Amino acid sequence: MRKEFIGTEGFVLLDTVRRLYRRKAWSALGRVLKKIHPGELSWIFRHLTSKERTAIFELLKEPEQLGEFFGELDESIRLELVEAMTTERMVDVIDNMASDDAADFLDSLEEELRDQVLALMRKEDAAEVEELLQYEGDTAGGIMSPDFLAMDGDLKVSEAVQQVQKLSEEAEMAFYIYVIDKDGNLQGVVSLRQLLMNASDKQLSKIMETDVIAVSMETDQEEVAQIVSRYNIMAVPVVDHDGVILGIVTIDDVVDVIREEATEDFLQMVGAGKDREILLKPVFQNAVTRLPWLLASWVGGVLAMSVISSFQNQLVQVIALAGFIPVIIGMGGNIGTQSSTLTIRGLVTGRVDIHRSWGFIGKQLQVGLLLGGFFGILLGLAAWLFYGNPELGGVVALAICFSMLLSTVLGTMVPIGLRRLDVDPAVATGPFVTTSTDVLGVLIYFLLARAMLPI
């Protein structure tokens, strides 16, 4: 039984690989690499230097391990290894990769190199991969596998079982048999469990489920992931506009999509761009990616400073006002980020419908008002007790309440508005929401102070 590859075990294995590499014990290192699971090996490569990766990669000789390992690698590491590979070596790797993984790999190469590799591949394999390359990478067509089990509805259960035994090694997912007509149109689906529980002389058309959940080639990968999650299925078929089945998207690809989309959303929410492999980028590229978003925060800070400067007379007369600025900015920014995160999560999972979002918005506004009122009363009482000034307490209480309510409005409605405009809502969080709430929160605070305090 394989133990989970985490923590100390992983770093011990990484240290072993590095030690054998430094000693140039190539024979021993080759034997060790042969026993490592491809997923674990990709984790090890992520922690090696560029020089170590290139040398150790040359020791990988097992075709099956090599293909699966290359499919697990981060794209930036794959491209780094490609620079030291011959086209013949690339073909050897691709021959042992799943078709969808091979298409993803080739899609990341420059067009000239991709054409050279395709020319050296077997015609059948090249045609299969080229068909996948015609679809956008983030659609159902781009992530589907063309290797699936499809059978005629007239087949008997006993005949279907024989076909499964014969073809299961070539199929990506043998849990489902898709029933098609003579033109390849999807008619129904039979699970492996159904197949084994029915009489051997029954036809597939008699036991198949006709209400099949399917997606088109252009369906966004995020929507595909939602469908698989909603209906708890192991794979979803991809059909063309005529209903002809082209491939399937399996659960392992869906897990990758969920991970990629979540990583991309979180990176954008904190203003770190959308490159999922940013941690593997060189220092300068890492900084350049994050600079524009931090610049937005800087501009917001300058605007907040300008607002504060324009009320300097009030600050001089009531110096206690300055002490509450960080609290108002911080509370507004925090609740704004919370609201944005909840809204984006709801949009991604389908729990928030942009066409029926007023109920959700109303609920979030009530939450913002409740939290704003609670913390407003607390901070207002603290201001009164510390400074013995009930008017100052009232200003602080109202400022916190209004600031948190406004931040909730922005954090909730901006992502929904962007989704209506068909813009990724993740870009609205982080710098935009926090900067806006900082400026508006300070402005509200000083306007209330000017109106309510004798200054």
Protein backbone atom coordinates (compact mmCIF):
# COMPACT_ATOMS: atom_id res chain seq x y z
CA MET A 1 0.00 0.00 0.00
CA ARG A 2 1.41 3.40 -1.02
CA LYS A 3 1.76 5.93 1.79
CA GLU A 4 0.86 9.57 1.25
CA PHE A 5 3.84 11.53 -0.03
CA ILE A 6 4.00 14.51 2.32
CA GLY A 7 6.25 16.20 4.82
CA THR A 8 9.43 14.49 6.01
CA GLU A 9 9.23 11.52 3.62
CA GLY A 10 9.28 13.79 0.59
CA PHE A 11 12.23 15.86 1.73
CA VAL A 12 14.19 12.72 2.73
CA LEU A 13 13.74 11.38 -0.81
CA LEU A 14 14.68 14.77 -2.28
CA ASP A 15 17.84 14.81 -0.17
CA THR A 16 18.68 11.26 -1.31
CA VAL A 17 18.34 12.21 -4.99
CA ARG A 18 20.51 15.31 -4.51
CA ARG A 19 23.18 13.40 -2.59
CA LEU A 20 23.45 10.72 -5.29
CA TYR A 21 23.59 13.44 -7.94
CA ARG A 22 26.46 15.25 -6.19
CA ARG A 23 28.38 11.97 -5.90
CA LYS A 24 27.67 11.25 -9.59
CA ALA A 25 26.35 7.83 -8.57
CA TRP A 26 24.37 7.57 -11.80
CA SER A 27 23.62 3.85 -11.60
CA ALA A 28 22.25 4.05 -8.05
CA LEU A 29 20.35 7.24 -8.85
CA GLY A 30 18.77 5.60 -11.90
CA ARG A 31 17.53 2.70 -9.76
CA VAL A 32 16.06 5.11 -7.20
CA LEU A 33 14.31 7.18 -9.87
CA LYS A 34 12.81 4.04 -11.41
CA LYS A 35 10.98 3.27 -8.14
CA ILE A 36 9.57 6.77 -7.59
CA HIS A 37 5.96 7.43 -8.59
CA PRO A 38 5.68 10.02 -11.43
CA GLY A 39 3.59 12.37 -9.25
CA GLU A 40 6.23 12.24 -6.50
CA LEU A 41 8.99 12.72 -9.06
CA SER A 42 7.34 15.89 -10.39
CA TRP A 43 7.29 17.26 -6.81
CA ILE A 44 11.01 16.49 -6.45
CA PHE A 45 11.84 18.24 -9.75
CA ARG A 46 10.06 21.36 -8.50
CA HIS A 47 12.69 21.63 -5.74
CA LEU A 48 15.77 20.94 -7.90
CA THR A 49 17.97 23.50 -9.63
CA SER A 50 17.88 23.86 -13.41
CA LYS A 51 21.21 22.05 -13.76
CA GLU A 52 20.08 19.17 -11.53
CA ARG A 53 16.82 18.76 -13.43
CA THR A 54 18.50 18.51 -16.83
CA ALA A 55 21.04 15.90 -15.69
CA ILE A 56 18.56 13.79 -13.72
CA PHE A 57 15.96 13.87 -16.49
CA GLU A 58 18.42 12.11 -18.80
CA LEU A 59 18.42 9.14 -16.39
CA LEU A 60 14.70 8.49 -16.80
CA LYS A 61 14.42 5.58 -19.21
CA GLU A 62 11.13 3.80 -18.35
CA PRO A 63 8.71 4.85 -21.15
CA GLU A 64 5.50 4.67 -19.09
CA GLN A 65 7.01 6.47 -16.11
CA LEU A 66 8.53 9.10 -18.38
CA GLY A 67 5.26 9.90 -20.16
CA GLU A 68 3.18 10.13 -16.99
CA PHE A 69 5.90 12.13 -15.22
CA PHE A 70 6.10 14.67 -18.04
CA GLY A 71 2.35 15.13 -17.91
CA GLU A 72 2.55 15.92 -14.17
CA LEU A 73 5.29 18.55 -14.48
CA ASP A 74 4.68 22.30 -14.15
CA GLU A 75 4.64 23.91 -17.57
CA SER A 76 7.64 26.16 -16.87
CA ILE A 77 9.76 23.14 -15.85
CA ARG A 78 8.62 21.20 -18.94
CA LEU A 79 9.68 24.05 -21.22
CA GLU A 80 13.01 24.26 -19.42
CA LEU A 81 13.68 20.56 -20.05
CA VAL A 82 12.59 20.88 -23.68
CA GLU A 83 15.51 23.21 -24.38
CA ALA A 84 17.95 20.32 -23.79
CA MET A 85 15.88 17.66 -25.61
CA THR A 86 16.10 16.46 -29.18
CA THR A 87 12.89 16.16 -31.19
CA GLU A 88 13.33 12.36 -31.17
CA ARG A 89 13.39 12.38 -27.37
CA MET A 90 10.25 14.53 -27.33
CA VAL A 91 8.47 12.03 -29.56
CA ASP A 92 9.45 9.18 -27.20
CA VAL A 93 7.96 11.15 -24.31
CA ILE A 94 4.75 12.07 -26.15
CA ASP A 95 4.20 8.47 -27.31
CA ASN A 96 3.74 7.53 -23.65
CA MET A 97 1.52 10.45 -22.65
CA ALA A 98 -2.27 10.52 -22.64
CA SER A 99 -3.59 12.28 -25.75
CA ASP A 100 -4.97 15.28 -23.83
CA ASP A 101 -1.70 15.71 -21.90
CA ALA A 102 0.29 15.42 -25.15
CA ALA A 103 -1.90 18.11 -26.73
CA ASP A 104 -1.33 20.43 -23.74
CA PHE A 105 2.42 19.86 -24.00
CA LEU A 106 2.58 20.51 -27.74
CA ASP A 107 0.37 23.57 -27.38
CA SER A 108 2.99 25.14 -25.10
CA LEU A 109 5.75 24.74 -27.71
CA GLU A 110 6.64 27.21 -30.43
CA GLU A 111 4.85 26.51 -33.69
CA GLU A 112 7.99 25.50 -35.62
CA LEU A 113 9.10 23.00 -32.97
CA ARG A 114 5.56 21.66 -32.62
CA ASP A 115 5.39 20.96 -36.36
CA GLN A 116 8.74 19.14 -36.24
CA VAL A 117 7.54 16.88 -33.43
CA LEU A 118 4.20 16.15 -35.11
CA ALA A 119 6.02 15.21 -38.33
CA LEU A 120 8.01 12.53 -36.46
CA MET A 121 5.02 11.05 -34.65
CA ARG A 122 2.96 8.13 -35.90
CA LYS A 123 0.28 9.43 -38.26
CA GLU A 124 -2.56 8.08 -36.15
CA ASP A 125 -1.25 9.66 -32.93
CA ALA A 126 -0.40 12.94 -34.66
CA ALA A 127 -3.90 13.19 -36.15
CA GLU A 128 -5.48 12.56 -32.74
CA VAL A 129 -3.37 15.24 -31.05
CA GLU A 130 -3.86 17.75 -33.87
CA GLU A 131 -7.62 17.33 -33.51
CA LEU A 132 -7.37 18.26 -29.83
CA LEU A 133 -5.12 21.24 -30.61
CA GLN A 134 -7.89 22.93 -32.60
CA TYR A 135 -9.84 23.62 -29.40
CA GLU A 136 -9.13 26.39 -26.90
CA GLY A 137 -7.10 25.08 -23.98
CA ASP A 138 -9.61 26.19 -21.32
CA THR A 139 -12.66 24.58 -22.94
CA ALA A 140 -14.16 21.09 -22.73
CA GLY A 141 -12.67 20.31 -26.14
CA GLY A 142 -9.23 21.40 -24.96
CA ILE A 143 -9.18 19.17 -21.86
CA MET A 144 -11.10 16.15 -23.15
CA SER A 145 -9.61 12.75 -23.92
CA PRO A 146 -10.58 11.02 -27.19
CA ASP A 147 -10.00 7.58 -25.61
CA PHE A 148 -13.35 6.30 -24.35
CA LEU A 149 -15.61 3.25 -24.61
CA ALA A 150 -18.41 3.63 -27.16
CA MET A 151 -20.64 0.75 -28.30
CA ASP A 152 -23.70 0.04 -30.39
CA GLY A 153 -26.98 -0.23 -28.52
CA ASP A 154 -27.79 -3.57 -30.14
CA LEU A 155 -24.88 -5.29 -28.39
CA LYS A 156 -25.78 -7.77 -25.67
CA VAL A 157 -24.36 -7.38 -22.16
CA SER A 158 -22.10 -10.43 -22.63
CA GLU A 159 -20.69 -8.97 -25.84
CA ALA A 160 -20.19 -5.58 -24.18
CA VAL A 161 -18.26 -7.19 -21.31
CA GLN A 162 -15.92 -8.81 -23.83
CA GLN A 163 -15.41 -5.44 -25.52
CA VAL A 164 -14.61 -3.83 -22.17
CA GLN A 165 -12.04 -6.51 -21.40
CA LYS A 166 -10.49 -6.00 -24.82
CA LEU A 167 -10.49 -2.19 -24.95
CA SER A 168 -10.25 -1.05 -21.33
CA GLU A 169 -6.46 -0.56 -21.45
CA GLU A 170 -6.81 1.92 -24.31
CA ALA A 171 -9.74 3.83 -22.75
CA GLU A 172 -9.22 6.78 -20.43
CA MET A 173 -12.18 5.86 -18.22
CA ALA A 174 -13.65 2.33 -18.24
CA PHE A 175 -16.39 3.09 -15.68
CA TYR A 176 -18.82 4.22 -18.38
CA ILE A 177 -19.81 2.74 -21.74
CA TYR A 178 -21.36 5.32 -24.05
CA VAL A 179 -24.03 3.97 -26.37
CA ILE A 180 -23.98 5.44 -29.88
CA ASP A 181 -25.83 4.94 -33.15
CA LYS A 182 -24.23 4.20 -36.52
CA ASP A 183 -23.41 7.91 -37.02
CA GLY A 184 -21.67 8.23 -33.64
CA ASN A 185 -24.51 10.19 -32.04
CA LEU A 186 -24.70 9.77 -28.27
CA GLN A 187 -27.79 7.79 -27.33
CA GLY A 188 -27.19 6.81 -23.72
CA VAL A 189 -24.74 5.64 -21.11
CA VAL A 190 -24.26 2.41 -19.16
CA SER A 191 -22.13 2.27 -16.04
CA LEU A 192 -19.83 -0.68 -15.42
CA ARG A 193 -21.97 -1.54 -12.37
CA GLN A 194 -25.14 -1.66 -14.50
CA LEU A 195 -23.36 -3.84 -17.04
CA LEU A 196 -22.35 -6.42 -14.44
CA MET A 197 -25.73 -6.50 -12.69
CA ASN A 198 -27.85 -7.22 -15.77
CA ALA A 199 -28.55 -10.49 -17.59
CA SER A 200 -26.01 -11.40 -20.26
CA ASP A 201 -28.60 -11.56 -23.04
CA LYS A 202 -30.00 -8.06 -22.52
CA GLN A 203 -29.20 -5.38 -25.08
CA LEU A 204 -27.42 -2.20 -24.02
CA SER A 205 -30.27 -0.11 -25.42
CA LYS A 206 -32.60 -1.76 -22.85
CA ILE A 207 -30.49 -0.92 -19.78
CA MET A 208 -28.88 2.39 -20.75
CA GLU A 209 -29.65 5.76 -19.16
CA THR A 210 -30.99 8.00 -21.91
CA ASP A 211 -30.87 11.24 -19.92
CA VAL A 212 -27.14 11.79 -20.41
CA ILE A 213 -25.35 14.82 -18.96
CA ALA A 214 -23.10 16.13 -21.75
CA VAL A 215 -21.25 19.31 -22.68
CA SER A 216 -20.28 20.91 -25.98
CA MET A 217 -16.71 21.48 -27.21
CA GLU A 218 -16.88 25.22 -26.40
CA THR A 219 -18.08 24.81 -22.80
CA ASP A 220 -15.70 26.59 -20.41
CA GLN A 221 -13.63 24.23 -18.27
CA GLU A 222 -14.89 25.88 -15.09
CA GLU A 223 -18.48 25.10 -16.08
CA VAL A 224 -17.47 21.50 -16.86
CA ALA A 225 -16.02 21.20 -13.35
CA GLN A 226 -19.26 22.52 -11.86
CA ILE A 227 -21.31 19.97 -13.83
CA VAL A 228 -19.15 17.04 -12.71
CA SER A 229 -19.37 18.25 -9.12
CA ARG A 230 -23.13 18.88 -9.26
CA TYR A 231 -24.06 15.48 -10.68
CA ASN A 232 -21.34 13.45 -8.90
CA ILE A 233 -20.15 11.68 -12.04
CA MET A 234 -16.70 10.32 -12.86
CA ALA A 235 -16.66 11.64 -16.43
CA VAL A 236 -18.74 13.83 -18.72
CA PRO A 237 -19.01 13.26 -22.50
CA VAL A 238 -18.18 16.05 -24.96
CA VAL A 239 -20.37 16.25 -28.06
CA ASP A 240 -20.42 18.40 -31.18
CA HIS A 241 -23.41 20.44 -32.37
CA ASP A 242 -24.94 17.36 -34.02
CA GLY A 243 -24.70 15.25 -30.86
CA VAL A 244 -21.73 13.16 -32.01
CA ILE A 245 -19.52 12.19 -29.06
CA LEU A 246 -15.96 13.45 -29.48
CA GLY A 247 -14.37 12.60 -26.15
CA ILE A 248 -14.78 12.68 -22.38
CA VAL A 249 -13.56 14.90 -19.57
CA THR A 250 -12.57 12.70 -16.63
CA ILE A 251 -12.51 13.42 -12.92
CA ASP A 252 -8.70 13.72 -12.79
CA ASP A 253 -8.85 16.54 -15.36
CA VAL A 254 -11.66 18.18 -13.39
CA VAL A 255 -9.52 18.15 -10.23
CA ASP A 256 -6.73 19.87 -12.19
CA VAL A 257 -9.21 22.47 -13.48
CA ILE A 258 -10.54 23.21 -9.98
CA ARG A 259 -7.00 23.58 -8.67
CA GLU A 260 -5.95 25.83 -11.55
CA GLU A 261 -9.03 28.04 -11.37
CA ALA A 262 -8.82 28.38 -7.58
CA THR A 263 -5.12 29.25 -7.76
CA GLU A 264 -5.73 31.79 -10.51
CA ASP A 265 -8.60 33.41 -8.59
CA PHE A 266 -6.64 33.67 -5.36
CA LEU A 267 -3.63 35.17 -7.13
CA GLN A 268 -5.81 37.81 -8.76
CA MET A 269 -7.67 38.50 -5.53
CA VAL A 270 -4.43 39.48 -3.77
CA GLY A 271 -3.10 41.37 -6.78
CA ALA A 272 -0.40 38.89 -7.84
CA GLY A 273 -1.52 38.51 -11.47
CA LYS A 274 -2.97 35.27 -12.81
CA ASP A 275 0.12 33.20 -13.62
CA ARG A 276 -0.38 29.99 -11.65
CA GLU A 277 3.36 29.25 -11.75
CA ILE A 278 4.48 32.63 -10.44
CA LEU A 279 6.52 31.00 -7.64
CA LEU A 280 8.69 29.28 -10.26
CA LYS A 281 9.38 32.49 -12.19
CA PRO A 282 12.70 34.38 -11.91
CA VAL A 283 12.88 37.24 -9.41
CA PHE A 284 12.54 40.02 -12.01
CA GLN A 285 9.51 38.43 -13.75
CA ASN A 286 7.91 37.79 -10.36
CA ALA A 287 8.32 41.45 -9.42
CA VAL A 288 7.08 42.75 -12.80
CA THR A 289 3.93 40.60 -12.52
CA ARG A 290 3.04 41.99 -9.12
CA LEU A 291 4.07 45.61 -9.71
CA PRO A 292 0.94 46.92 -11.55
CA TRP A 293 -1.41 45.73 -8.83
CA LEU A 294 0.74 47.19 -6.07
CA LEU A 295 0.87 50.42 -8.06
CA ALA A 296 -2.92 50.54 -7.87
CA SER A 297 -2.68 50.25 -4.07
CA TRP A 298 -0.03 52.97 -4.05
CA VAL A 299 -2.30 55.31 -6.02
CA GLY A 300 -5.10 54.58 -3.56
CA GLY A 301 -2.78 55.36 -0.66
CA VAL A 302 -1.85 58.69 -2.21
CA LEU A 303 -5.54 59.52 -2.68
CA ALA A 304 -6.24 58.63 0.96
CA MET A 305 -3.31 60.83 2.00
CA SER A 306 -4.76 63.70 -0.07
CA VAL A 307 -8.13 63.31 1.65
CA ILE A 308 -6.48 63.36 5.07
CA SER A 309 -4.36 66.40 4.13
CA SER A 310 -7.41 68.33 3.02
CA PHE A 311 -8.86 67.94 6.52
CA GLN A 312 -5.68 68.90 8.37
CA ASN A 313 -7.39 71.82 10.17
CA GLN A 314 -9.84 69.41 11.78
CA LEU A 315 -6.96 67.09 12.73
CA VAL A 316 -5.10 69.92 14.42
CA GLN A 317 -8.14 70.94 16.45
CA VAL A 318 -9.15 67.38 17.42
CA ILE A 319 -5.93 65.35 17.35
CA ALA A 320 -7.80 62.27 18.61
CA LEU A 321 -9.33 61.91 15.13
CA ALA A 322 -6.01 60.63 13.77
CA GLY A 323 -5.90 57.69 16.15
CA PHE A 324 -8.99 56.07 14.65
CA ILE A 325 -7.98 56.31 10.96
CA PRO A 326 -6.12 52.92 10.88
CA VAL A 327 -9.09 51.18 12.54
CA ILE A 328 -11.62 52.58 10.07
CA ILE A 329 -9.40 51.74 7.07
CA GLY A 330 -8.61 48.25 8.39
CA MET A 331 -12.19 47.26 9.25
CA GLY A 332 -13.51 48.52 5.93
CA GLY A 333 -10.78 46.73 3.95
CA ASN A 334 -11.28 43.46 5.83
CA ILE A 335 -15.04 43.24 5.42
CA GLY A 336 -14.71 44.31 1.78
CA THR A 337 -12.27 41.49 1.08
CA GLN A 338 -14.49 39.02 2.96
CA SER A 339 -17.53 40.04 0.90
CA SER A 340 -15.58 39.81 -2.37
CA THR A 341 -14.25 36.36 -1.50
CA LEU A 342 -17.69 35.04 -0.58
CA THR A 343 -19.24 36.52 -3.72
CA ILE A 344 -16.59 35.17 -6.08
CA ARG A 345 -16.77 31.76 -4.42
CA GLY A 346 -20.54 31.80 -4.85
CA LEU A 347 -20.23 32.73 -8.52
CA VAL A 348 -17.65 30.00 -9.16
CA THR A 349 -19.65 27.26 -7.43
CA GLY A 350 -22.96 28.37 -8.93
CA ARG A 351 -24.51 29.25 -5.55
CA VAL A 352 -24.89 32.86 -6.69
CA ASP A 353 -26.88 33.40 -9.90
CA ILE A 354 -26.01 36.75 -11.52
CA HIS A 355 -29.55 36.94 -12.93
CA ARG A 356 -31.14 36.46 -9.50
CA SER A 357 -28.57 38.05 -7.25
CA TRP A 358 -30.65 40.65 -5.42
CA GLY A 359 -31.54 38.23 -2.63
CA PHE A 360 -27.85 37.47 -2.07
CA ILE A 361 -26.92 41.18 -2.22
CA GLY A 362 -29.69 42.06 0.26
CA LYS A 363 -28.49 39.40 2.68
CA GLN A 364 -24.89 40.63 2.49
CA LEU A 365 -26.00 44.23 3.10
CA GLN A 366 -27.88 43.12 6.22
CA VAL A 367 -24.74 41.31 7.41
CA GLY A 368 -22.65 44.43 6.70
CA LEU A 369 -25.08 46.66 8.58
CA LEU A 370 -25.21 44.26 11.55
CA LEU A 371 -21.39 43.96 11.79
CA GLY A 372 -20.91 47.68 11.15
CA GLY A 373 -23.39 48.57 13.88
CA PHE A 374 -21.78 46.14 16.33
CA PHE A 375 -18.21 47.35 15.82
CA GLY A 376 -19.39 50.96 15.54
CA ILE A 377 -20.96 50.80 19.00
CA LEU A 378 -17.85 49.12 20.44
CA LEU A 379 -15.43 51.66 18.96
CA GLY A 380 -17.74 54.60 19.73
CA LEU A 381 -17.88 53.60 23.39
CA ALA A 382 -14.08 53.18 23.44
CA ALA A 383 -13.63 56.69 21.99
CA TRP A 384 -16.03 58.13 24.55
CA LEU A 385 -14.30 56.38 27.47
CA PHE A 386 -10.75 57.21 26.34
CA TYR A 387 -11.32 60.84 25.46
CA GLY A 388 -14.43 61.70 27.46
CA ASN A 389 -16.02 63.11 24.32
CA PRO A 390 -19.46 61.70 23.40
CA GLU A 391 -19.52 63.63 20.09
CA LEU A 392 -16.23 62.02 19.05
CA GLY A 393 -17.67 58.63 20.02
CA GLY A 394 -20.68 59.26 17.80
CA VAL A 395 -18.50 60.27 14.83
CA VAL A 396 -16.33 57.16 15.17
CA ALA A 397 -19.35 54.87 15.59
CA LEU A 398 -21.13 56.21 12.51
CA ALA A 399 -17.91 56.25 10.45
CA ILE A 400 -17.18 52.58 11.20
CA CYS A 401 -20.79 51.60 10.48
CA PHE A 402 -20.98 53.48 7.16
CA SER A 403 -17.48 52.39 6.11
CA MET A 404 -18.20 48.70 6.70
CA LEU A 405 -21.59 48.93 5.00
CA LEU A 406 -20.08 50.66 1.96
CA SER A 407 -17.25 48.11 1.80
CA THR A 408 -19.80 45.29 1.86
CA VAL A 409 -21.67 46.93 -1.02
CA LEU A 410 -18.49 47.24 -3.10
CA GLY A 411 -17.21 43.76 -2.23
CA THR A 412 -20.54 42.18 -3.18
CA MET A 413 -21.76 44.16 -6.17
CA VAL A 414 -18.51 44.77 -8.09
CA PRO A 415 -17.78 41.06 -8.76
CA ILE A 416 -21.41 40.48 -9.76
CA GLY A 417 -21.30 43.52 -12.05
CA LEU A 418 -18.10 42.35 -13.69
CA ARG A 419 -19.52 38.87 -14.23
CA ARG A 420 -22.52 40.47 -15.96
CA LEU A 421 -20.02 42.23 -18.24
CA ASP A 422 -18.33 38.87 -18.89
CA VAL A 423 -15.17 39.95 -17.06
CA ASP A 424 -13.38 37.66 -14.59
CA PRO A 425 -14.66 38.89 -11.17
CA ALA A 426 -11.44 37.89 -9.39
CA VAL A 427 -9.72 40.98 -10.80
CA ALA A 428 -12.12 43.21 -8.84
CA THR A 429 -10.91 42.10 -5.42
CA GLY A 430 -7.71 42.86 -3.56
CA PRO A 431 -6.29 46.19 -4.78
CA PHE A 432 -9.50 47.63 -6.25
CA VAL A 433 -11.86 46.95 -3.36
CA THR A 434 -9.43 47.69 -0.54
CA THR A 435 -8.16 50.88 -2.20
CA SER A 436 -11.69 52.14 -2.83
CA THR A 437 -12.82 51.39 0.71
CA ASP A 438 -9.72 53.09 2.17
CA VAL A 439 -10.36 56.34 0.31
CA LEU A 440 -14.13 56.39 0.82
CA GLY A 441 -13.87 55.30 4.47
CA VAL A 442 -11.51 58.16 5.33
CA LEU A 443 -13.66 60.64 3.39
CA ILE A 444 -16.83 59.58 5.22
CA TYR A 445 -14.99 59.80 8.56
CA PHE A 446 -13.84 63.37 8.08
CA LEU A 447 -17.12 64.56 6.58
CA LEU A 448 -18.93 63.25 9.66
CA ALA A 449 -16.32 64.86 11.90
CA ARG A 450 -16.76 68.23 10.19
CA ALA A 451 -20.57 67.99 10.48
CA MET A 452 -20.81 66.73 14.08
CA LEU A 453 -17.82 68.18 15.93
CA PRO A 454 -17.39 71.84 16.93
CA ILE A 455 -14.36 72.45 14.66
